[in-house]
Structures are given as C-alpha cells and as structure tokens.
Amino acid sequence: MGTDAAGAAGASAIGELVGFVDLQVNGALGNDFSAPDLTLEAARRAARYVLAGGTAAFLPTLVSSPLATYRQNLPLLAALAEEPEFVGRVAGIHLEGPFLSRDPRVLGVHRPEHVRAAEPGLLEEWQSLARGRLRLITLAAEIDGAAELTRVARAQGIAVAIGHSWPDAAALECVHAAGAAALTHFGNGVPLALPRHANPLVAGLLAQGLAAMLITDGHHVTADFARLVRRVKGARGLLLTSDLSPAAGLAPGQHRVFGATVEVSPDGAIRDPAHGHLAGSSMSLLGCANQALAWGLLTQDEVVTAARDAPAALIGLDVAGLRAPVDGCTVSFRRGAAPNGAFELTTAKT
C-alpha cells in the first residue's frame, strides 16, 4: 500500500461506523502479549478491554522477545483469534521486532539482548507457529538483509513497516522497493536530540510510498509534528494507531510490563522511569481518533480512512466484514462534543 492508495476505501464517518482497526496493541490491564507466561485467559482479558473501547479489529503485538516466547505465544494468540468471540476481531499478529537496529538510541522498550539479525527462515517458522496469522512485521531498514527479509515477509502475506531504525533515504528506498509500506509509530523510537539534517525523521518524511503511522494520544507526538507529517505525506499517507500498553487501564503508579517497571502518570502517559522513554499509550484508538479531530489534523472522513480503511488495507483486511467491537454496540459520530465533533461507542439500534 503506497501513500496514494491508503485511503482508497474511505467512507463517510457520519452514521454507523462499526469500529476502528488498530495495528499495534501490546496488551491491557496488566496483560502483556509479550509476557513469557502469557495465558489464553490473560489474552482474552486484554482483547475484551481493547474491543470495549471501540476497536473492531486489532493486531496483538509482540515486542522483541526470547525465542521461547515466540514459540509459546504465537500459537496461543492464533488460538485466541480462532475463538468465536474473537473471529474477525483479532485480525492477526504484529511482530514489532526482533529484527531491529542495535543502536540503543532507537530501541525504546526493546531489550538489546533480544534484538536479532535478519533471519528469513525464522520468520517463516514463526508464520507456521502462528498458523498463517502474522499480518505485520516492524523491522529496521538499515540492517543487513532487510530487503530480503521484506521480500520473504511479503511472500508470506505479511505487511512490512519500518521502525526502531536509523535509516537513510537509500535504505528506505531499498526496503520500499522490496515491499515495505509504512513507518511504525513515526516520530517515536528515536532519541530526543537528533542531528539537525541527517536523521530518521527527515528520511521518513521524504520517503515515497511509506505511510506514517502516528500515535495521536497527546504524549507520543505533538499536534504540530502531526500537522507537519500530514503536510508532507498528505491525509492519505497517515495511519492512526494506539500502541496500547499492557499497563493501559491500570491505576496511576508503577507496574511491571515489557519485562521492566513502568509508571502510569495521572495524565495517562506511561513511561519507563529508568530510561525516560514512553512505554506504549493508555488511550484507545477511538480516543486517538478524537484527539486527531480536536487538533484539526483530520476531518471526520479522513479519520475513518486513517483509523480504519488504511490500516485494514495495509494488512489485507476487508472492512466490509468487520464485526461490531462489542455485540450490540457500534461507533458513531456525534457533532458538537469537540471542535470537529467526536466519535463515540453507542448501543446499536435494533
């Protein structure tokens, strides 16, 4: 999916919407999809929390982990997706890593000991363990073998996005030619201080055909940065995601997720206090959609494209087949609650 095709399936946001499509969900309520001791019941609790927030379909996301975690969690999440309650709602699995940069400045929550060199055969093994349900992988564009790994992923039916990476324009052009189509949580996974001219943000903005995934929760990017990305990429070159943290839904204070201690602030920000970086968000995709509206970043119709149609197109999901996030409920648009109105989860009329 190039930036020109991202919004091809756009529809009116006025009236029944069914729900949004979230490509990056790490867990919720203390249930971590990357936890080595993940259980099916814990995965169900997290999934129900996500759906109750107005997301119609989502990808449980695994961050870089030990090999044993992939071997245990991928079949478990495939089983979750096959349960009647979650068929069509758990739309696949997103692997965020482990084929990332080893540069500590861009790793974020990813632990360096779990980052691996590009291994196409390992990806094929994991797709088999996931029973064909891997739908998206985030990898670094500049690592050796990135283009070949991208080609193997595409042949396996896996969309490719670039993140936790320090690429130059040539590296991005190379992986795009091999089939990469997006930039994971663009504007994040980079250090606070960057070289003025040659840096991953400049390279990403200039990259043709790579849509920018933005976390518009009010913490991950500023309104002005999001507006800049929109100015360069166009509305059809944006995808909204929540990057929901396993700590989402928990009370303010310290909690253990991602194999580390994170702190949930009263304002909803979730950070790793030891390193200072964000550790996912606490805001649902519906909330992120409304923040994009409040910023004047996107119109209602553009939000539907960025938070439903474009993410679905990236992973080959037909939005016509979406189920309501919760039986008997749907997402609709209400004018007047914010400068551009707001989306809300409502009880469907029968």
Protein backbone atom coordinates (compact mmCIF):
# COMPACT_ATOMS: atom_id res chain seq x y z
CA MET A 1 0.00 0.00 0.00
CA GLY A 2 1.54 3.28 -1.05
CA THR A 3 0.50 6.64 0.33
CA ASP A 4 -1.78 7.26 -2.64
CA ALA A 5 -3.70 4.04 -2.02
CA ALA A 6 -4.04 4.30 1.74
CA GLY A 7 -7.44 5.96 1.72
CA ALA A 8 -8.97 4.39 -1.36
CA ALA A 9 -11.69 2.72 0.68
CA GLY A 10 -12.66 5.86 2.62
CA ALA A 11 -16.26 6.17 3.67
CA SER A 12 -18.44 8.74 5.36
CA ALA A 13 -17.87 8.99 9.10
CA ILE A 14 -21.42 10.14 9.69
CA GLY A 15 -23.66 7.34 10.87
CA GLU A 16 -22.76 3.81 11.85
CA LEU A 17 -19.06 3.05 11.56
CA VAL A 18 -18.78 -0.42 13.20
CA GLY A 19 -15.35 0.43 14.66
CA PHE A 20 -11.69 1.13 14.03
CA VAL A 21 -8.74 -1.10 13.07
CA ASP A 22 -5.67 -0.92 15.34
CA LEU A 23 -2.40 -2.39 14.10
CA GLN A 24 -0.39 -2.04 17.32
CA VAL A 25 -1.80 -3.30 20.63
CA ASN A 26 0.68 -4.58 23.21
CA GLY A 27 -1.88 -5.67 25.81
CA ALA A 28 -4.02 -4.07 28.53
CA LEU A 29 -4.96 -4.29 32.21
CA GLY A 30 -1.52 -5.68 33.07
CA ASN A 31 -1.86 -8.46 30.49
CA ASP A 32 1.16 -8.35 28.17
CA PHE A 33 1.04 -10.14 24.80
CA SER A 34 4.84 -10.45 25.01
CA ALA A 35 4.91 -11.94 28.51
CA PRO A 36 6.71 -15.29 28.69
CA ASP A 37 3.96 -16.58 30.97
CA LEU A 38 1.03 -15.32 28.86
CA THR A 39 -2.10 -17.42 29.23
CA LEU A 40 -5.14 -17.64 26.99
CA GLU A 41 -7.31 -16.13 29.71
CA ALA A 42 -4.94 -13.16 30.11
CA ALA A 43 -5.03 -12.63 26.34
CA ARG A 44 -8.84 -12.73 26.44
CA ARG A 45 -8.94 -10.07 29.17
CA ALA A 46 -6.71 -7.76 27.16
CA ALA A 47 -8.66 -8.35 23.96
CA ARG A 48 -12.00 -7.59 25.63
CA TYR A 49 -10.63 -4.35 27.00
CA VAL A 50 -9.46 -3.28 23.55
CA LEU A 51 -12.76 -4.14 21.89
CA ALA A 52 -14.79 -2.41 24.59
CA GLY A 53 -13.05 0.84 23.63
CA GLY A 54 -14.47 0.92 20.10
CA THR A 55 -11.83 -1.02 18.18
CA ALA A 56 -13.47 -3.50 15.81
CA ALA A 57 -10.29 -5.37 14.83
CA PHE A 58 -6.73 -5.28 16.08
CA LEU A 59 -3.33 -6.96 15.96
CA PRO A 60 -1.90 -8.24 19.25
CA THR A 61 1.71 -7.09 19.13
CA LEU A 62 4.83 -8.84 20.37
CA VAL A 63 7.92 -6.76 21.06
CA SER A 64 11.41 -8.28 20.72
CA SER A 65 11.46 -11.36 22.94
CA PRO A 66 13.40 -14.56 23.65
CA LEU A 67 12.85 -17.31 21.10
CA ALA A 68 10.92 -19.35 23.66
CA THR A 69 8.33 -16.57 23.97
CA TYR A 70 7.57 -16.63 20.25
CA ARG A 71 7.22 -20.40 20.31
CA GLN A 72 4.75 -20.22 23.18
CA ASN A 73 2.81 -17.01 22.42
CA LEU A 74 2.32 -17.26 18.66
CA PRO A 75 0.24 -20.48 18.79
CA LEU A 76 -1.62 -19.08 21.82
CA LEU A 77 -2.58 -15.86 20.01
CA ALA A 78 -3.55 -17.85 16.91
CA ALA A 79 -5.88 -19.88 19.14
CA LEU A 80 -7.34 -16.65 20.55
CA ALA A 81 -8.07 -15.41 17.02
CA GLU A 82 -9.92 -18.66 16.26
CA GLU A 83 -12.29 -18.46 19.23
CA PRO A 84 -15.84 -17.50 18.15
CA GLU A 85 -15.82 -14.36 20.32
CA PHE A 86 -12.69 -13.05 18.59
CA VAL A 87 -13.00 -14.29 15.00
CA GLY A 88 -12.55 -11.23 12.78
CA ARG A 89 -11.79 -9.09 15.83
CA VAL A 90 -8.31 -10.40 16.49
CA ALA A 91 -7.26 -9.83 12.89
CA GLY A 92 -3.78 -11.31 13.10
CA ILE A 93 -0.50 -10.67 14.89
CA HIS A 94 2.06 -7.86 14.64
CA LEU A 95 5.72 -8.66 15.30
CA GLU A 96 7.45 -5.45 16.38
CA GLY A 97 10.98 -6.81 16.15
CA PRO A 98 13.18 -8.61 16.81
CA PHE A 99 14.92 -7.64 13.52
CA LEU A 100 15.68 -4.09 14.65
CA SER A 101 18.62 -1.73 14.92
CA ARG A 102 21.07 -2.46 17.73
CA ASP A 103 21.59 1.28 18.21
CA PRO A 104 20.47 1.87 21.84
CA ARG A 105 19.16 5.31 20.92
CA VAL A 106 16.27 3.82 18.92
CA LEU A 107 15.37 0.67 20.88
CA GLY A 108 12.80 2.11 23.31
CA VAL A 109 11.26 -0.77 25.31
CA HIS A 110 13.07 -3.38 23.21
CA ARG A 111 15.80 -5.10 25.19
CA PRO A 112 19.07 -5.28 23.24
CA GLU A 113 19.69 -8.93 24.12
CA HIS A 114 16.50 -9.88 22.24
CA VAL A 115 17.31 -7.99 19.02
CA ARG A 116 18.38 -10.33 16.21
CA ALA A 117 19.97 -10.19 12.79
CA ALA A 118 17.63 -10.68 9.83
CA GLU A 119 16.68 -14.37 9.65
CA PRO A 120 14.11 -15.11 6.90
CA GLY A 121 13.93 -18.77 7.90
CA LEU A 122 12.99 -17.83 11.45
CA LEU A 123 10.18 -15.60 10.17
CA GLU A 124 8.85 -18.50 8.10
CA GLU A 125 8.97 -20.73 11.19
CA TRP A 126 7.03 -18.15 13.19
CA GLN A 127 4.40 -17.80 10.48
CA SER A 128 3.88 -21.55 10.71
CA LEU A 129 3.60 -21.38 14.51
CA ALA A 130 1.05 -18.58 14.12
CA ARG A 131 -0.93 -20.72 11.67
CA GLY A 132 -0.55 -18.07 8.99
CA ARG A 133 -1.83 -15.24 11.20
CA LEU A 134 1.23 -12.97 11.13
CA ARG A 135 -0.07 -9.87 9.34
CA LEU A 136 2.54 -7.17 10.06
CA ILE A 137 6.22 -7.01 10.99
CA THR A 138 8.20 -3.96 12.04
CA LEU A 139 11.89 -4.16 11.13
CA ALA A 140 14.84 -1.81 10.73
CA ALA A 141 15.59 -0.75 7.17
CA GLU A 142 19.36 -0.48 7.55
CA ILE A 143 20.20 -3.92 8.97
CA ASP A 144 21.96 -6.43 6.75
CA GLY A 145 19.41 -8.49 4.85
CA ALA A 146 16.49 -6.11 5.44
CA ALA A 147 15.39 -6.12 1.80
CA GLU A 148 15.47 -9.93 1.54
CA LEU A 149 13.59 -10.24 4.84
CA THR A 150 11.00 -7.82 3.46
CA ARG A 151 10.57 -9.91 0.31
CA VAL A 152 10.17 -13.10 2.37
CA ALA A 153 7.61 -11.40 4.62
CA ARG A 154 5.56 -10.21 1.65
CA ALA A 155 5.66 -13.71 0.13
CA GLN A 156 4.27 -14.99 3.45
CA GLY A 157 1.40 -12.48 3.34
CA ILE A 158 2.96 -10.23 5.99
CA ALA A 159 2.93 -6.45 5.56
CA VAL A 160 6.18 -4.68 6.41
CA ALA A 161 6.70 -1.43 8.30
CA ILE A 162 9.92 0.27 9.35
CA GLY A 163 10.62 1.22 12.95
CA HIS A 164 13.25 1.27 15.71
CA SER A 165 15.58 2.11 12.88
CA TRP A 166 18.15 4.74 11.90
CA PRO A 167 17.85 4.61 8.11
CA ASP A 168 18.99 6.96 5.42
CA ALA A 169 16.98 7.67 2.28
CA ALA A 170 18.72 4.90 0.32
CA ALA A 171 17.88 2.24 2.92
CA LEU A 172 14.22 3.27 2.95
CA GLU A 173 14.06 3.27 -0.83
CA CYS A 174 15.56 -0.23 -0.88
CA VAL A 175 13.04 -1.76 1.55
CA HIS A 176 10.17 0.06 -0.11
CA ALA A 177 11.18 -1.46 -3.44
CA ALA A 178 11.14 -4.85 -1.71
CA GLY A 179 7.60 -4.27 -0.41
CA ALA A 180 7.70 -2.20 2.80
CA ALA A 181 4.73 0.15 3.01
CA ALA A 182 4.69 2.05 6.31
CA LEU A 183 6.65 3.65 9.15
CA THR A 184 5.78 2.28 12.59
CA HIS A 185 4.88 4.89 15.28
CA PHE A 186 6.57 7.59 13.21
CA GLY A 187 8.15 10.28 15.38
CA ASN A 188 8.87 7.80 18.17
CA GLY A 189 11.57 5.21 18.69
CA VAL A 190 14.15 7.96 18.17
CA PRO A 191 16.21 9.95 20.70
CA LEU A 192 15.08 13.34 21.95
CA ALA A 193 18.14 15.00 20.39
CA LEU A 194 18.87 14.36 16.70
CA PRO A 195 21.39 15.61 14.14
CA ARG A 196 19.85 18.68 12.57
CA HIS A 197 19.72 17.45 8.99
CA ALA A 198 20.53 13.76 8.54
CA ASN A 199 18.19 11.84 10.82
CA PRO A 200 15.41 9.20 10.63
CA LEU A 201 12.61 11.76 10.70
CA VAL A 202 13.89 13.64 7.66
CA ALA A 203 14.47 10.36 5.83
CA GLY A 204 11.00 9.13 6.73
CA LEU A 205 9.27 12.32 5.66
CA LEU A 206 10.99 12.21 2.30
CA ALA A 207 10.36 8.51 1.70
CA GLN A 208 7.93 7.97 -1.16
CA GLY A 209 5.30 5.29 -0.68
CA LEU A 210 5.75 4.78 3.07
CA ALA A 211 2.68 5.78 5.06
CA ALA A 212 3.29 7.24 8.52
CA MET A 213 1.66 5.51 11.49
CA LEU A 214 1.02 8.13 14.19
CA ILE A 215 0.07 7.71 17.86
CA THR A 216 -2.10 10.77 18.43
CA ASP A 217 -2.60 10.29 22.16
CA GLY A 218 -1.18 13.69 23.14
CA HIS A 219 2.03 12.19 24.53
CA HIS A 220 3.81 10.43 21.67
CA VAL A 221 3.74 13.31 19.19
CA THR A 222 2.74 16.95 19.36
CA ALA A 223 -0.04 18.45 17.31
CA ASP A 224 2.48 20.49 15.30
CA PHE A 225 4.60 17.45 14.48
CA ALA A 226 1.49 15.55 13.35
CA ARG A 227 0.48 18.52 11.19
CA LEU A 228 3.94 18.57 9.61
CA VAL A 229 3.66 14.87 8.76
CA ARG A 230 0.23 15.47 7.25
CA ARG A 231 1.56 18.43 5.25
CA VAL A 232 4.30 16.26 3.72
CA LYS A 233 2.55 12.88 3.44
CA GLY A 234 -1.00 14.08 2.87
CA ALA A 235 -4.04 12.79 4.73
CA ARG A 236 -3.94 9.60 2.64
CA GLY A 237 -0.41 8.94 3.85
CA LEU A 238 -1.39 8.73 7.54
CA LEU A 239 -2.45 5.75 9.66
CA LEU A 240 -3.57 6.15 13.27
CA THR A 241 -2.72 3.57 15.90
CA SER A 242 -2.94 3.44 19.68
CA ASP A 243 0.25 1.50 20.57
CA LEU A 244 -1.79 0.48 23.61
CA SER A 245 0.43 -0.53 26.52
CA PRO A 246 -0.05 -3.62 28.69
CA ALA A 247 -0.36 -1.07 31.50
CA ALA A 248 -3.38 0.61 29.86
CA GLY A 249 -6.38 0.56 32.14
CA LEU A 250 -4.30 0.32 35.32
CA ALA A 251 -4.31 2.91 38.10
CA PRO A 252 -1.57 5.56 38.25
CA GLY A 253 1.60 4.18 39.78
CA GLN A 254 4.28 1.66 38.94
CA HIS A 255 3.56 -1.62 37.19
CA ARG A 256 5.61 -4.43 35.67
CA VAL A 257 5.23 -4.89 31.88
CA PHE A 258 7.60 -5.45 28.94
CA GLY A 259 9.93 -7.11 31.44
CA ALA A 260 10.51 -3.76 33.16
CA THR A 261 8.93 -1.35 35.60
CA VAL A 262 6.79 1.37 34.01
CA GLU A 263 4.94 4.24 35.59
CA VAL A 264 1.40 5.29 34.70
CA SER A 265 1.00 9.03 35.28
CA PRO A 266 -2.29 10.70 36.24
CA ASP A 267 -2.35 12.33 32.79
CA GLY A 268 -2.26 8.89 31.13
CA ALA A 269 1.36 8.89 29.97
CA ILE A 270 3.17 5.58 30.51
CA ARG A 271 6.95 5.76 30.85
CA ASP A 272 9.91 3.63 31.77
CA PRO A 273 11.31 5.74 34.65
CA ALA A 274 14.73 4.10 34.41
CA HIS A 275 15.29 5.29 30.85
CA GLY A 276 12.74 8.09 30.42
CA HIS A 277 11.09 6.79 27.25
CA LEU A 278 7.42 6.11 26.68
CA ALA A 279 6.21 2.50 27.04
CA GLY A 280 3.09 2.48 24.91
CA SER A 281 -0.07 4.51 25.45
CA SER A 282 -3.13 4.35 27.66
CA MET A 283 -5.53 5.73 25.05
CA SER A 284 -7.77 3.65 22.81
CA LEU A 285 -7.73 4.17 19.06
CA LEU A 286 -11.13 5.85 19.40
CA GLY A 287 -9.51 8.33 21.80
CA CYS A 288 -6.61 8.86 19.39
CA ALA A 289 -9.11 9.46 16.58
CA ASN A 290 -10.87 12.10 18.65
CA GLN A 291 -7.53 13.73 19.50
CA ALA A 292 -6.75 13.98 15.79
CA LEU A 293 -10.10 15.71 15.33
CA ALA A 294 -9.51 18.07 18.25
CA TRP A 295 -6.13 19.06 16.78
CA GLY A 296 -7.75 19.79 13.44
CA LEU A 297 -5.34 17.24 11.96
CA LEU A 298 -8.01 15.31 10.06
CA THR A 299 -11.67 15.66 9.13
CA GLN A 300 -14.21 13.01 10.17
CA ASP A 301 -13.95 11.24 6.82
CA GLU A 302 -10.15 11.42 6.92
CA VAL A 303 -10.15 9.89 10.39
CA VAL A 304 -12.19 6.97 9.10
CA THR A 305 -9.60 6.46 6.39
CA ALA A 306 -6.62 6.80 8.75
CA ALA A 307 -8.03 4.74 11.63
CA ARG A 308 -9.99 2.09 9.72
CA ASP A 309 -9.57 1.88 5.96
CA ALA A 310 -5.82 2.48 5.62
CA PRO A 311 -4.81 0.10 8.44
CA ALA A 312 -7.16 -2.54 7.05
CA ALA A 313 -5.75 -2.11 3.53
CA LEU A 314 -2.19 -2.46 4.81
CA ILE A 315 -2.87 -5.94 6.21
CA GLY A 316 -5.37 -7.03 3.56
CA LEU A 317 -8.43 -6.86 5.78
CA ASP A 318 -11.85 -6.25 4.18
CA VAL A 319 -13.63 -3.56 6.19
CA ALA A 320 -16.97 -4.78 4.84
CA GLY A 321 -16.57 -7.85 7.05
CA LEU A 322 -15.85 -6.02 10.30
CA ARG A 323 -17.87 -7.08 13.34
CA ALA A 324 -19.05 -4.63 15.98
CA PRO A 325 -16.39 -4.19 18.70
CA VAL A 326 -18.88 -5.44 21.28
CA ASP A 327 -22.10 -7.25 20.41
CA GLY A 328 -24.93 -4.73 20.30
CA CYS A 329 -22.61 -1.69 20.08
CA THR A 330 -21.08 0.30 17.28
CA VAL A 331 -19.08 3.50 16.77
CA SER A 332 -20.92 6.57 15.55
CA PHE A 333 -20.12 10.24 15.04
CA ARG A 334 -21.63 12.94 17.21
CA ARG A 335 -21.32 16.61 16.34
CA GLY A 336 -20.55 19.32 18.87
CA ALA A 337 -18.55 17.49 21.57
CA ALA A 338 -15.27 18.93 20.27
CA PRO A 339 -14.37 21.50 17.60
CA ASN A 340 -14.99 18.86 14.94
CA GLY A 341 -17.37 16.65 16.90
CA ALA A 342 -16.38 13.28 18.30
CA PHE A 343 -16.66 9.55 17.73
CA GLU A 344 -18.30 7.51 20.47
CA LEU A 345 -19.26 3.92 21.24
CA THR A 346 -23.04 3.62 21.27
CA THR A 347 -25.67 0.94 21.58
CA ALA A 348 -26.83 -0.05 18.13
CA LYS A 349 -30.49 0.41 17.30
CA THR A 350 -32.39 -2.80 16.71
